[in-house]
PDB file of N, CA and C in Angstrom:
ATOM      1  N   MET A   1       0.798  -1.203   0.000  1.00  0.00           N
ATOM      2  CA  MET A   1       0.000   0.000   0.000  1.00  0.00           C
ATOM      3  C   MET A   1       0.840   1.267   0.000  1.00  0.00           C
ATOM      4  N   ALA A   2       2.111   1.146  -0.196  1.00  0.00           N
ATOM      5  CA  ALA A   2       2.982   2.322  -0.197  1.00  0.00           C
ATOM      6  C   ALA A   2       2.579   3.305  -1.285  1.00  0.00           C
ATOM      7  N   ALA A   3       2.077   2.803  -2.404  1.00  0.00           N
ATOM      8  CA  ALA A   3       1.675   3.694  -3.491  1.00  0.00           C
ATOM      9  C   ALA A   3       0.538   4.610  -3.054  1.00  0.00           C
ATOM     10  N   GLU A   4      -0.368   4.130  -2.206  1.00  0.00           N
ATOM     11  CA  GLU A   4      -1.464   4.960  -1.744  1.00  0.00           C
ATOM     12  C   GLU A   4      -0.973   6.089  -0.849  1.00  0.00           C
ATOM     13  N   SER A   5       0.030   5.824  -0.021  1.00  0.00           N
ATOM     14  CA  SER A   5       0.499   6.833   0.920  1.00  0.00           C
ATOM     15  C   SER A   5       1.081   8.056   0.213  1.00  0.00           C
ATOM     16  N   ARG A   6       1.609   7.889  -0.965  1.00  0.00           N
ATOM     17  CA  ARG A   6       2.179   9.052  -1.658  1.00  0.00           C
ATOM     18  C   ARG A   6       1.104  10.039  -2.083  1.00  0.00           C
ATOM     19  N   PHE A   7      -0.151   9.603  -2.101  1.00  0.00           N
ATOM     20  CA  PHE A   7      -1.266  10.486  -2.463  1.00  0.00           C
ATOM     21  C   PHE A   7      -1.949  11.072  -1.239  1.00  0.00           C
ATOM     22  N   ASP A   8      -1.508  10.699  -0.062  1.00  0.00           N
ATOM     23  CA  ASP A   8      -2.131  11.149   1.166  1.00  0.00           C
ATOM     24  C   ASP A   8      -1.385  12.362   1.703  1.00  0.00           C
ATOM     25  N   VAL A   9      -1.655  13.519   1.104  1.00  0.00           N
ATOM     26  CA  VAL A   9      -1.032  14.765   1.523  1.00  0.00           C
ATOM     27  C   VAL A   9      -2.146  15.650   2.066  1.00  0.00           C
ATOM     28  N   ALA A  10      -2.151  15.853   3.353  1.00  0.00           N
ATOM     29  CA  ALA A  10      -3.215  16.612   4.002  1.00  0.00           C
ATOM     30  C   ALA A  10      -3.458  17.947   3.313  1.00  0.00           C
ATOM     31  N   GLY A  11      -4.714  18.214   3.011  1.00  0.00           N
ATOM     32  CA  GLY A  11      -5.089  19.480   2.396  1.00  0.00           C
ATOM     33  C   GLY A  11      -4.789  19.588   0.917  1.00  0.00           C
ATOM     34  N   THR A  12      -4.347  18.494   0.305  1.00  0.00           N
ATOM     35  CA  THR A  12      -4.003  18.522  -1.117  1.00  0.00           C
ATOM     36  C   THR A  12      -4.942  17.604  -1.885  1.00  0.00           C
ATOM     37  N   PRO A  13      -5.823  18.184  -2.710  1.00  0.00           N
ATOM     38  CA  PRO A  13      -6.703  17.325  -3.498  1.00  0.00           C
ATOM     39  C   PRO A  13      -5.903  16.590  -4.572  1.00  0.00           C
ATOM     40  N   VAL A  14      -6.256  15.356  -4.815  1.00  0.00           N
ATOM     41  CA  VAL A  14      -5.596  14.548  -5.835  1.00  0.00           C
ATOM     42  C   VAL A  14      -6.557  14.399  -7.006  1.00  0.00           C
ATOM     43  N   PHE A  15      -6.092  14.745  -8.187  1.00  0.00           N
ATOM     44  CA  PHE A  15      -6.908  14.606  -9.393  1.00  0.00           C
ATOM     45  C   PHE A  15      -6.545  13.277 -10.047  1.00  0.00           C
ATOM     46  N   ASP A  16      -7.310  12.251  -9.694  1.00  0.00           N
ATOM     47  CA  ASP A  16      -7.061  10.910 -10.208  1.00  0.00           C
ATOM     48  C   ASP A  16      -8.201  10.502 -11.137  1.00  0.00           C
ATOM     49  N   GLY A  17      -8.210   9.247 -11.535  1.00  0.00           N
ATOM     50  CA  GLY A  17      -9.236   8.767 -12.456  1.00  0.00           C
ATOM     51  C   GLY A  17     -10.641   8.927 -11.920  1.00  0.00           C
ATOM     52  N   GLN A  18     -10.834   8.620 -10.646  1.00  0.00           N
ATOM     53  CA  GLN A  18     -12.155   8.740 -10.040  1.00  0.00           C
ATOM     54  C   GLN A  18     -12.608  10.203 -10.024  1.00  0.00           C
ATOM     55  N   THR A  19     -11.700  11.087  -9.653  1.00  0.00           N
ATOM     56  CA  THR A  19     -12.017  12.517  -9.633  1.00  0.00           C
ATOM     57  C   THR A  19     -12.318  13.007 -11.040  1.00  0.00           C
ATOM     58  N   SER A  20     -11.552  12.542 -12.012  1.00  0.00           N
ATOM     59  CA  SER A  20     -11.763  12.926 -13.405  1.00  0.00           C
ATOM     60  C   SER A  20     -13.153  12.524 -13.879  1.00  0.00           C
ATOM     61  N   ARG A  21     -13.567  11.330 -13.531  1.00  0.00           N
ATOM     62  CA  ARG A  21     -14.907  10.877 -13.931  1.00  0.00           C
ATOM     63  C   ARG A  21     -15.987  11.706 -13.250  1.00  0.00           C
ATOM     64  N   ARG A  22     -15.800  12.007 -11.966  1.00  0.00           N
ATOM     65  CA  ARG A  22     -16.784  12.787 -11.217  1.00  0.00           C
ATOM     66  C   ARG A  22     -16.932  14.191 -11.818  1.00  0.00           C
ATOM     67  N   GLY A  23     -15.833  14.787 -12.253  1.00  0.00           N
ATOM     68  CA  GLY A  23     -15.875  16.155 -12.761  1.00  0.00           C
ATOM     69  C   GLY A  23     -15.931  16.286 -14.268  1.00  0.00           C
ATOM     70  N   PHE A  24     -16.104  15.162 -14.970  1.00  0.00           N
ATOM     71  CA  PHE A  24     -16.000  15.176 -16.435  1.00  0.00           C
ATOM     72  C   PHE A  24     -16.861  16.247 -17.092  1.00  0.00           C
ATOM     73  N   ARG A  25     -18.133  16.315 -16.761  1.00  0.00           N
ATOM     74  CA  ARG A  25     -19.032  17.281 -17.431  1.00  0.00           C
ATOM     75  C   ARG A  25     -18.665  18.721 -17.098  1.00  0.00           C
ATOM     76  N   MET A  26     -18.303  18.954 -15.847  1.00  0.00           N
ATOM     77  CA  MET A  26     -17.917  20.302 -15.454  1.00  0.00           C
ATOM     78  C   MET A  26     -16.625  20.716 -16.154  1.00  0.00           C
ATOM     79  N   ASN A  27     -15.647  19.811 -16.208  1.00  0.00           N
ATOM     80  CA  ASN A  27     -14.391  20.126 -16.891  1.00  0.00           C
ATOM     81  C   ASN A  27     -14.612  20.315 -18.390  1.00  0.00           C
ATOM     82  N   LYS A  28     -15.559  19.575 -18.949  1.00  0.00           N
ATOM     83  CA  LYS A  28     -15.889  19.755 -20.365  1.00  0.00           C
ATOM     84  C   LYS A  28     -16.454  21.163 -20.593  1.00  0.00           C
ATOM     85  N   LEU A  29     -17.303  21.622 -19.685  1.00  0.00           N
ATOM     86  CA  LEU A  29     -17.819  22.993 -19.767  1.00  0.00           C
ATOM     87  C   LEU A  29     -16.654  23.982 -19.731  1.00  0.00           C
ATOM     88  N   PHE A  30     -15.761  23.814 -18.757  1.00  0.00           N
ATOM     89  CA  PHE A  30     -14.635  24.743 -18.643  1.00  0.00           C
ATOM     90  C   PHE A  30     -13.791  24.752 -19.920  1.00  0.00           C
ATOM     91  N   MET A  31     -13.530  23.578 -20.462  1.00  0.00           N
ATOM     92  CA  MET A  31     -12.722  23.503 -21.688  1.00  0.00           C
ATOM     93  C   MET A  31     -13.409  24.178 -22.866  1.00  0.00           C
ATOM     94  N   SER A  32     -14.742  24.149 -22.873  1.00  0.00           N
ATOM     95  CA  SER A  32     -15.469  24.786 -23.975  1.00  0.00           C
ATOM     96  C   SER A  32     -15.233  26.286 -24.002  1.00  0.00           C
ATOM     97  N   LEU A  33     -14.828  26.843 -22.874  1.00  0.00           N
ATOM     98  CA  LEU A  33     -14.613  28.293 -22.782  1.00  0.00           C
ATOM     99  C   LEU A  33     -13.358  28.753 -23.512  1.00  0.00           C
ATOM    100  N   ARG A  34     -12.666  27.811 -24.151  1.00  0.00           N
ATOM    101  CA  ARG A  34     -11.514  28.187 -24.989  1.00  0.00           C
ATOM    102  C   ARG A  34     -11.960  29.024 -26.179  1.00  0.00           C
ATOM    103  N   PHE A  35     -13.203  28.849 -26.574  1.00  0.00           N
ATOM    104  CA  PHE A  35     -13.705  29.477 -27.798  1.00  0.00           C
ATOM    105  C   PHE A  35     -14.564  30.696 -27.473  1.00  0.00           C
ATOM    106  N   ALA A  36     -14.299  31.788 -28.185  1.00  0.00           N
ATOM    107  CA  ALA A  36     -14.975  33.065 -27.927  1.00  0.00           C
ATOM    108  C   ALA A  36     -16.490  32.933 -27.991  1.00  0.00           C
ATOM    109  N   GLU A  37     -16.999  32.190 -28.969  1.00  0.00           N
ATOM    110  CA  GLU A  37     -18.460  32.081 -29.087  1.00  0.00           C
ATOM    111  C   GLU A  37     -19.063  31.390 -27.860  1.00  0.00           C
ATOM    112  N   ASN A  38     -18.340  30.451 -27.269  1.00  0.00           N
ATOM    113  CA  ASN A  38     -18.836  29.787 -26.056  1.00  0.00           C
ATOM    114  C   ASN A  38     -18.749  30.706 -24.847  1.00  0.00           C
ATOM    115  N   ARG A  39     -17.706  31.508 -24.785  1.00  0.00           N
ATOM    116  CA  ARG A  39     -17.612  32.479 -23.698  1.00  0.00           C
ATOM    117  C   ARG A  39     -18.764  33.473 -23.784  1.00  0.00           C
ATOM    118  N   GLU A  40     -19.117  33.866 -24.987  1.00  0.00           N
ATOM    119  CA  GLU A  40     -20.244  34.783 -25.168  1.00  0.00           C
ATOM    120  C   GLU A  40     -21.549  34.135 -24.737  1.00  0.00           C
ATOM    121  N   ARG A  41     -21.768  32.880 -25.132  1.00  0.00           N
ATOM    122  CA  ARG A  41     -22.984  32.160 -24.749  1.00  0.00           C
ATOM    123  C   ARG A  41     -23.053  31.975 -23.233  1.00  0.00           C
ATOM    124  N   PHE A  42     -21.924  31.628 -22.624  1.00  0.00           N
ATOM    125  CA  PHE A  42     -21.865  31.467 -21.175  1.00  0.00           C
ATOM    126  C   PHE A  42     -22.198  32.797 -20.502  1.00  0.00           C
ATOM    127  N   GLY A  43     -21.581  33.870 -20.959  1.00  0.00           N
ATOM    128  CA  GLY A  43     -21.817  35.181 -20.368  1.00  0.00           C
ATOM    129  C   GLY A  43     -23.250  35.659 -20.512  1.00  0.00           C
ATOM    130  N   ALA A  44     -23.916  35.246 -21.565  1.00  0.00           N
ATOM    131  CA  ALA A  44     -25.293  35.673 -21.804  1.00  0.00           C
ATOM    132  C   ALA A  44     -26.275  34.977 -20.861  1.00  0.00           C
ATOM    133  N   ASP A  45     -26.019  33.718 -20.520  1.00  0.00           N
ATOM    134  CA  ASP A  45     -26.914  32.971 -19.625  1.00  0.00           C
ATOM    135  C   ASP A  45     -26.151  31.799 -19.020  1.00  0.00           C
ATOM    136  N   GLU A  46     -25.462  32.085 -17.931  1.00  0.00           N
ATOM    137  CA  GLU A  46     -24.597  31.079 -17.324  1.00  0.00           C
ATOM    138  C   GLU A  46     -25.365  29.825 -16.910  1.00  0.00           C
ATOM    139  N   GLY A  47     -26.540  29.999 -16.338  1.00  0.00           N
ATOM    140  CA  GLY A  47     -27.323  28.852 -15.892  1.00  0.00           C
ATOM    141  C   GLY A  47     -27.715  27.939 -17.032  1.00  0.00           C
ATOM    142  N   ALA A  48     -28.192  28.516 -18.109  1.00  0.00           N
ATOM    143  CA  ALA A  48     -28.590  27.714 -19.274  1.00  0.00           C
ATOM    144  C   ALA A  48     -27.372  27.014 -19.876  1.00  0.00           C
ATOM    145  N   TYR A  49     -26.243  27.694 -19.886  1.00  0.00           N
ATOM    146  CA  TYR A  49     -25.029  27.085 -20.429  1.00  0.00           C
ATOM    147  C   TYR A  49     -24.624  25.887 -19.574  1.00  0.00           C
ATOM    148  N   CYS A  50     -24.682  26.036 -18.256  1.00  0.00           N
ATOM    149  CA  CYS A  50     -24.376  24.915 -17.355  1.00  0.00           C
ATOM    150  C   CYS A  50     -25.316  23.746 -17.618  1.00  0.00           C
ATOM    151  N   ASP A  51     -26.586  24.050 -17.825  1.00  0.00           N
ATOM    152  CA  ASP A  51     -27.585  23.000 -18.044  1.00  0.00           C
ATOM    153  C   ASP A  51     -27.264  22.178 -19.289  1.00  0.00           C
ATOM    154  N   GLN A  52     -26.671  22.790 -20.297  1.00  0.00           N
ATOM    155  CA  GLN A  52     -26.329  22.070 -21.527  1.00  0.00           C
ATOM    156  C   GLN A  52     -25.302  20.969 -21.278  1.00  0.00           C
ATOM    157  N   PHE A  53     -24.540  21.074 -20.195  1.00  0.00           N
ATOM    158  CA  PHE A  53     -23.490  20.103 -19.926  1.00  0.00           C
ATOM    159  C   PHE A  53     -23.910  19.045 -18.907  1.00  0.00           C
ATOM    160  N   GLY A  54     -25.123  19.156 -18.376  1.00  0.00           N
ATOM    161  CA  GLY A  54     -25.619  18.152 -17.456  1.00  0.00           C
ATOM    162  C   GLY A  54     -24.879  18.096 -16.130  1.00  0.00           C
ATOM    163  N   LEU A  55     -24.499  19.255 -15.610  1.00  0.00           N
ATOM    164  CA  LEU A  55     -23.805  19.292 -14.325  1.00  0.00           C
ATOM    165  C   LEU A  55     -24.732  18.809 -13.214  1.00  0.00           C
ATOM    166  N   THR A  56     -24.137  18.276 -12.167  1.00  0.00           N
ATOM    167  CA  THR A  56     -24.929  17.960 -10.983  1.00  0.00           C
ATOM    168  C   THR A  56     -25.407  19.280 -10.389  1.00  0.00           C
ATOM    169  N   PRO A  57     -26.447  19.247  -9.572  1.00  0.00           N
ATOM    170  CA  PRO A  57     -26.882  20.500  -8.934  1.00  0.00           C
ATOM    171  C   PRO A  57     -25.763  21.163  -8.132  1.00  0.00           C
ATOM    172  N   GLU A  58     -24.937  20.363  -7.464  1.00  0.00           N
ATOM    173  CA  GLU A  58     -23.832  20.923  -6.674  1.00  0.00           C
ATOM    174  C   GLU A  58     -22.786  21.575  -7.578  1.00  0.00           C
ATOM    175  N   GLN A  59     -22.481  20.947  -8.703  1.00  0.00           N
ATOM    176  CA  GLN A  59     -21.518  21.524  -9.640  1.00  0.00           C
ATOM    177  C   GLN A  59     -22.063  22.823 -10.228  1.00  0.00           C
ATOM    178  N   ARG A  60     -23.334  22.802 -10.600  1.00  0.00           N
ATOM    179  CA  ARG A  60     -23.956  23.995 -11.182  1.00  0.00           C
ATOM    180  C   ARG A  60     -23.875  25.158 -10.197  1.00  0.00           C
ATOM    181  N   THR A  61     -24.218  24.901  -8.950  1.00  0.00           N
ATOM    182  CA  THR A  61     -24.174  25.944  -7.922  1.00  0.00           C
ATOM    183  C   THR A  61     -22.745  26.440  -7.732  1.00  0.00           C
ATOM    184  N   ALA A  62     -21.785  25.532  -7.692  1.00  0.00           N
ATOM    185  CA  ALA A  62     -20.382  25.933  -7.511  1.00  0.00           C
ATOM    186  C   ALA A  62     -19.930  26.848  -8.644  1.00  0.00           C
ATOM    187  N   VAL A  63     -20.279  26.498  -9.874  1.00  0.00           N
ATOM    188  CA  VAL A  63     -19.892  27.317 -11.028  1.00  0.00           C
ATOM    189  C   VAL A  63     -20.561  28.683 -10.955  1.00  0.00           C
ATOM    190  N   LEU A  64     -21.861  28.704 -10.747  1.00  0.00           N
ATOM    191  CA  LEU A  64     -22.589  29.974 -10.748  1.00  0.00           C
ATOM    192  C   LEU A  64     -22.183  30.877  -9.586  1.00  0.00           C
ATOM    193  N   ASP A  65     -21.849  30.262  -8.444  1.00  0.00           N
ATOM    194  CA  ASP A  65     -21.444  31.038  -7.266  1.00  0.00           C
ATOM    195  C   ASP A  65     -19.950  31.338  -7.241  1.00  0.00           C
ATOM    196  N   ARG A  66     -19.222  30.790  -8.213  1.00  0.00           N
ATOM    197  CA  ARG A  66     -17.763  30.920  -8.268  1.00  0.00           C
ATOM    198  C   ARG A  66     -17.150  30.420  -6.956  1.00  0.00           C
ATOM    199  N   ASP A  67     -17.639  29.271  -6.529  1.00  0.00           N
ATOM    200  CA  ASP A  67     -17.101  28.612  -5.345  1.00  0.00           C
ATOM    201  C   ASP A  67     -15.953  27.737  -5.820  1.00  0.00           C
ATOM    202  N   TRP A  68     -14.773  28.327  -5.885  1.00  0.00           N
ATOM    203  CA  TRP A  68     -13.608  27.685  -6.494  1.00  0.00           C
ATOM    204  C   TRP A  68     -13.240  26.393  -5.776  1.00  0.00           C
ATOM    205  N   GLN A  69     -13.269  26.409  -4.455  1.00  0.00           N
ATOM    206  CA  GLN A  69     -12.918  25.200  -3.706  1.00  0.00           C
ATOM    207  C   GLN A  69     -13.927  24.090  -3.969  1.00  0.00           C
ATOM    208  N   ALA A  70     -15.201  24.435  -4.022  1.00  0.00           N
ATOM    209  CA  ALA A  70     -16.217  23.415  -4.309  1.00  0.00           C
ATOM    210  C   ALA A  70     -16.014  22.821  -5.700  1.00  0.00           C
ATOM    211  N   MET A  71     -15.622  23.647  -6.665  1.00  0.00           N
ATOM    212  CA  MET A  71     -15.375  23.129  -8.013  1.00  0.00           C
ATOM    213  C   MET A  71     -14.284  22.062  -7.978  1.00  0.00           C
ATOM    214  N   ILE A  72     -13.230  22.319  -7.235  1.00  0.00           N
ATOM    215  CA  ILE A  72     -12.142  21.340  -7.101  1.00  0.00           C
ATOM    216  C   ILE A  72     -12.657  20.094  -6.375  1.00  0.00           C
ATOM    217  N   ASP A  73     -13.381  20.303  -5.295  1.00  0.00           N
ATOM    218  CA  ASP A  73     -13.899  19.185  -4.512  1.00  0.00           C
ATOM    219  C   ASP A  73     -14.864  18.319  -5.312  1.00  0.00           C
ATOM    220  N   LEU A  74     -15.546  18.914  -6.288  1.00  0.00           N
ATOM    221  CA  LEU A  74     -16.537  18.202  -7.097  1.00  0.00           C
ATOM    222  C   LEU A  74     -15.951  17.619  -8.380  1.00  0.00           C
ATOM    223  N   GLY A  75     -14.627  17.608  -8.477  1.00  0.00           N
ATOM    224  CA  GLY A  75     -13.973  16.962  -9.605  1.00  0.00           C
ATOM    225  C   GLY A  75     -13.360  17.885 -10.628  1.00  0.00           C
ATOM    226  N   GLY A  76     -13.328  19.163 -10.336  1.00  0.00           N
ATOM    227  CA  GLY A  76     -12.714  20.097 -11.270  1.00  0.00           C
ATOM    228  C   GLY A  76     -11.208  19.985 -11.272  1.00  0.00           C
ATOM    229  N   SER A  77     -10.635  20.065 -12.449  1.00  0.00           N
ATOM    230  CA  SER A  77      -9.183  20.139 -12.586  1.00  0.00           C
ATOM    231  C   SER A  77      -8.791  21.604 -12.509  1.00  0.00           C
ATOM    232  N   ILE A  78      -7.773  21.924 -11.737  1.00  0.00           N
ATOM    233  CA  ILE A  78      -7.343  23.313 -11.597  1.00  0.00           C
ATOM    234  C   ILE A  78      -7.051  23.937 -12.956  1.00  0.00           C
ATOM    235  N   PHE A  79      -6.546  23.151 -13.885  1.00  0.00           N
ATOM    236  CA  PHE A  79      -6.216  23.682 -15.207  1.00  0.00           C
ATOM    237  C   PHE A  79      -7.465  24.072 -15.974  1.00  0.00           C
ATOM    238  N   TYR A  80      -8.558  23.383 -15.730  1.00  0.00           N
ATOM    239  CA  TYR A  80      -9.823  23.715 -16.387  1.00  0.00           C
ATOM    240  C   TYR A  80     -10.583  24.786 -15.611  1.00  0.00           C
ATOM    241  N   VAL A  81     -10.591  24.685 -14.288  1.00  0.00           N
ATOM    242  CA  VAL A  81     -11.248  25.690 -13.453  1.00  0.00           C
ATOM    243  C   VAL A  81     -10.660  27.066 -13.751  1.00  0.00           C
ATOM    244  N   TYR A  82      -9.368  27.102 -14.009  1.00  0.00           N
ATOM    245  CA  TYR A  82      -8.704  28.378 -14.296  1.00  0.00           C
ATOM    246  C   TYR A  82      -9.282  29.061 -15.533  1.00  0.00           C
ATOM    247  N   LYS A  83      -9.790  28.299 -16.484  1.00  0.00           N
ATOM    248  CA  LYS A  83     -10.399  28.906 -17.677  1.00  0.00           C
ATOM    249  C   LYS A  83     -11.590  29.774 -17.286  1.00  0.00           C
ATOM    250  N   LEU A  84     -12.363  29.317 -16.301  1.00  0.00           N
ATOM    251  CA  LEU A  84     -13.476  30.130 -15.812  1.00  0.00           C
ATOM    252  C   LEU A  84     -12.951  31.335 -15.041  1.00  0.00           C
ATOM    253  N   ALA A  85     -11.950  31.121 -14.228  1.00  0.00           N
ATOM    254  CA  ALA A  85     -11.379  32.234 -13.465  1.00  0.00           C
ATOM    255  C   ALA A  85     -10.886  33.336 -14.395  1.00  0.00           C
ATOM    256  N   MET A  86     -10.269  32.942 -15.505  1.00  0.00           N
ATOM    257  CA  MET A  86      -9.779  33.939 -16.465  1.00  0.00           C
ATOM    258  C   MET A  86     -10.925  34.767 -17.026  1.00  0.00           C
ATOM    259  N   MET A  87     -12.093  34.152 -17.212  1.00  0.00           N
ATOM    260  CA  MET A  87     -13.246  34.921 -17.706  1.00  0.00           C
ATOM    261  C   MET A  87     -13.632  36.023 -16.732  1.00  0.00           C
ATOM    262  N   ASP A  88     -13.384  35.777 -15.458  1.00  0.00           N
ATOM    263  CA  ASP A  88     -13.704  36.756 -14.420  1.00  0.00           C
ATOM    264  C   ASP A  88     -12.538  37.701 -14.142  1.00  0.00           C
ATOM    265  N   GLY A  89     -11.476  37.593 -14.947  1.00  0.00           N
ATOM    266  CA  GLY A  89     -10.324  38.453 -14.745  1.00  0.00           C
ATOM    267  C   GLY A  89      -9.480  38.054 -13.546  1.00  0.00           C
ATOM    268  N   ARG A  90      -9.581  36.801 -13.138  1.00  0.00           N
ATOM    269  CA  ARG A  90      -8.836  36.302 -11.981  1.00  0.00           C
ATOM    270  C   ARG A  90      -7.547  35.630 -12.431  1.00  0.00           C
ATOM    271  N   SER A  91      -6.539  35.738 -11.603  1.00  0.00           N
ATOM    272  CA  SER A  91      -5.244  35.151 -11.914  1.00  0.00           C
ATOM    273  C   SER A  91      -5.091  33.800 -11.226  1.00  0.00           C
ATOM    274  N   MET A  92      -4.086  33.055 -11.644  1.00  0.00           N
ATOM    275  CA  MET A  92      -3.763  31.800 -10.970  1.00  0.00           C
ATOM    276  C   MET A  92      -3.327  32.098  -9.537  1.00  0.00           C
ATOM    277  N   GLN A  93      -2.684  33.239  -9.317  1.00  0.00           N
ATOM    278  CA  GLN A  93      -2.273  33.613  -7.972  1.00  0.00           C
ATOM    279  C   GLN A  93      -3.490  33.883  -7.086  1.00  0.00           C
ATOM    280  N   TYR A  94      -4.554  34.439  -7.677  1.00  0.00           N
ATOM    281  CA  TYR A  94      -5.795  34.626  -6.927  1.00  0.00           C
ATOM    282  C   TYR A  94      -6.314  33.275  -6.453  1.00  0.00           C
ATOM    283  N   LEU A  95      -6.368  32.293  -7.383  1.00  0.00           N
ATOM    284  CA  LEU A  95      -6.836  30.958  -7.008  1.00  0.00           C
ATOM    285  C   LEU A  95      -5.916  30.333  -5.966  1.00  0.00           C
ATOM    286  N   GLY A  96      -4.611  30.527  -6.113  1.00  0.00           N
ATOM    287  CA  GLY A  96      -3.678  30.024  -5.114  1.00  0.00           C
ATOM    288  C   GLY A  96      -4.000  30.578  -3.738  1.00  0.00           C
ATOM    289  N   GLY A  97      -4.334  31.841  -3.697  1.00  0.00           N
ATOM    290  CA  GLY A  97      -4.729  32.450  -2.429  1.00  0.00           C
ATOM    291  C   GLY A  97      -6.005  31.848  -1.874  1.00  0.00           C
ATOM    292  N   VAL A  98      -6.984  31.649  -2.736  1.00  0.00           N
ATOM    293  CA  VAL A  98      -8.247  31.031  -2.309  1.00  0.00           C
ATOM    294  C   VAL A  98      -7.978  29.666  -1.691  1.00  0.00           C
ATOM    295  N   PHE A  99      -7.162  28.865  -2.361  1.00  0.00           N
ATOM    296  CA  PHE A  99      -6.944  27.493  -1.928  1.00  0.00           C
ATOM    297  C   PHE A  99      -6.027  27.371  -0.711  1.00  0.00           C
ATOM    298  N   THR A 100      -5.338  28.446  -0.367  1.00  0.00           N
ATOM    299  CA  THR A 100      -4.432  28.409   0.787  1.00  0.00           C
ATOM    300  C   THR A 100      -4.891  29.313   1.922  1.00  0.00           C
ATOM    301  N   GLY A 101      -6.048  29.946   1.758  1.00  0.00           N
ATOM    302  CA  GLY A 101      -6.563  30.815   2.805  1.00  0.00           C
ATOM    303  C   GLY A 101      -5.853  32.154   2.890  1.00  0.00           C
ATOM    304  N   MET A 102      -5.262  32.565   1.776  1.00  0.00           N
ATOM    305  CA  MET A 102      -4.552  33.844   1.723  1.00  0.00           C
ATOM    306  C   MET A 102      -5.259  34.770   0.738  1.00  0.00           C
ATOM    307  N   THR A 103      -4.931  36.043   0.832  1.00  0.00           N
ATOM    308  CA  THR A 103      -5.343  36.946  -0.227  1.00  0.00           C
ATOM    309  C   THR A 103      -4.416  36.705  -1.414  1.00  0.00           C
ATOM    310  N   GLU A 104      -4.788  37.235  -2.554  1.00  0.00           N
ATOM    311  CA  GLU A 104      -3.914  37.119  -3.729  1.00  0.00           C
ATOM    312  C   GLU A 104      -2.556  37.752  -3.449  1.00  0.00           C
ATOM    313  N   GLU A 105      -2.570  38.912  -2.801  1.00  0.00           N
ATOM    314  CA  GLU A 105      -1.328  39.617  -2.509  1.00  0.00           C
ATOM    315  C   GLU A 105      -0.449  38.813  -1.550  1.00  0.00           C
ATOM    316  N   GLU A 106      -1.067  38.219  -0.524  1.00  0.00           N
ATOM    317  CA  GLU A 106      -0.312  37.396   0.421  1.00  0.00           C
ATOM    318  C   GLU A 106       0.289  36.179  -0.277  1.00  0.00           C
ATOM    319  N   PHE A 107      -0.488  35.578  -1.168  1.00  0.00           N
ATOM    320  CA  PHE A 107      -0.001  34.403  -1.889  1.00  0.00           C
ATOM    321  C   PHE A 107       1.193  34.772  -2.768  1.00  0.00           C
ATOM    322  N   VAL A 108       1.081  35.874  -3.492  1.00  0.00           N
ATOM    323  CA  VAL A 108       2.189  36.327  -4.348  1.00  0.00           C
ATOM    324  C   VAL A 108       3.426  36.595  -3.494  1.00  0.00           C
ATOM    325  N   ALA A 109       3.248  37.275  -2.372  1.00  0.00           N
ATOM    326  CA  ALA A 109       4.389  37.571  -1.495  1.00  0.00           C
ATOM    327  C   ALA A 109       5.020  36.286  -0.977  1.00  0.00           C
ATOM    328  N   ALA A 110       4.191  35.312  -0.606  1.00  0.00           N
ATOM    329  CA  ALA A 110       4.721  34.024  -0.118  1.00  0.00           C
ATOM    330  C   ALA A 110       5.518  33.314  -1.203  1.00  0.00           C
ATOM    331  N   MET A 111       5.040  33.336  -2.419  1.00  0.00           N
ATOM    332  CA  MET A 111       5.759  32.679  -3.512  1.00  0.00           C
ATOM    333  C   MET A 111       7.074  33.403  -3.810  1.00  0.00           C
ATOM    334  N   ARG A 112       7.045  34.719  -3.766  1.00  0.00           N
ATOM    335  CA  ARG A 112       8.276  35.478  -4.017  1.00  0.00           C
ATOM    336  C   ARG A 112       9.301  35.274  -2.911  1.00  0.00           C
ATOM    337  N   ALA A 113       8.807  34.932  -1.728  1.00  0.00           N
ATOM    338  CA  ALA A 113       9.696  34.694  -0.596  1.00  0.00           C
ATOM    339  C   ALA A 113      10.183  33.248  -0.529  1.00  0.00           C
ATOM    340  N   GLY A 114       9.848  32.483  -1.534  1.00  0.00           N
ATOM    341  CA  GLY A 114      10.332  31.100  -1.576  1.00  0.00           C
ATOM    342  C   GLY A 114       9.282  30.034  -1.344  1.00  0.00           C
ATOM    343  N   GLY A 115       8.014  30.456  -1.240  1.00  0.00           N
ATOM    344  CA  GLY A 115       6.944  29.486  -1.076  1.00  0.00           C
ATOM    345  C   GLY A 115       6.533  29.329   0.368  1.00  0.00           C
ATOM    346  N   ARG A 116       5.497  28.533   0.523  1.00  0.00           N
ATOM    347  CA  ARG A 116       4.990  28.284   1.871  1.00  0.00           C
ATOM    348  C   ARG A 116       5.851  27.215   2.533  1.00  0.00           C
ATOM    349  N   SER A 117       5.935  27.289   3.842  1.00  0.00           N
ATOM    350  CA  SER A 117       6.692  26.264   4.562  1.00  0.00           C
ATOM    351  C   SER A 117       5.970  25.936   5.861  1.00  0.00           C
ATOM    352  N   GLY A 118       6.395  24.858   6.421  1.00  0.00           N
ATOM    353  CA  GLY A 118       5.858  24.490   7.722  1.00  0.00           C
ATOM    354  C   GLY A 118       4.578  23.696   7.660  1.00  0.00           C
ATOM    355  N   GLY A 119       4.197  23.189   6.494  1.00  0.00           N
ATOM    356  CA  GLY A 119       2.973  22.437   6.536  1.00  0.00           C
ATOM    357  C   GLY A 119       2.625  21.862   5.267  1.00  0.00           C
TER     358      GLY A 119
END
């Protein structure tokens, strides 16, 4: 069982096959935002756009509420979730702050200082 222990990092979500399957429809929605016409359709009616992808009610709520942590918990890949964040003018550093309990500025300062330590 040593292979399992390498994935047991407290506070660190693991994006594995099971998580990928759970978040497949939501990640497909996020990937669709690569195209301008889809971003326009999403912006015009976010709820209807979510409905086209068959998200679970929890996923739909997370997307519409911009609950970034819930999106990850519900199977979102950070690389795909970031596509939605970019639509809102959010940076990867902003998301880093959300996921670590810091402000964006605190997260940037921590990274410039060599990263987080002690945990």
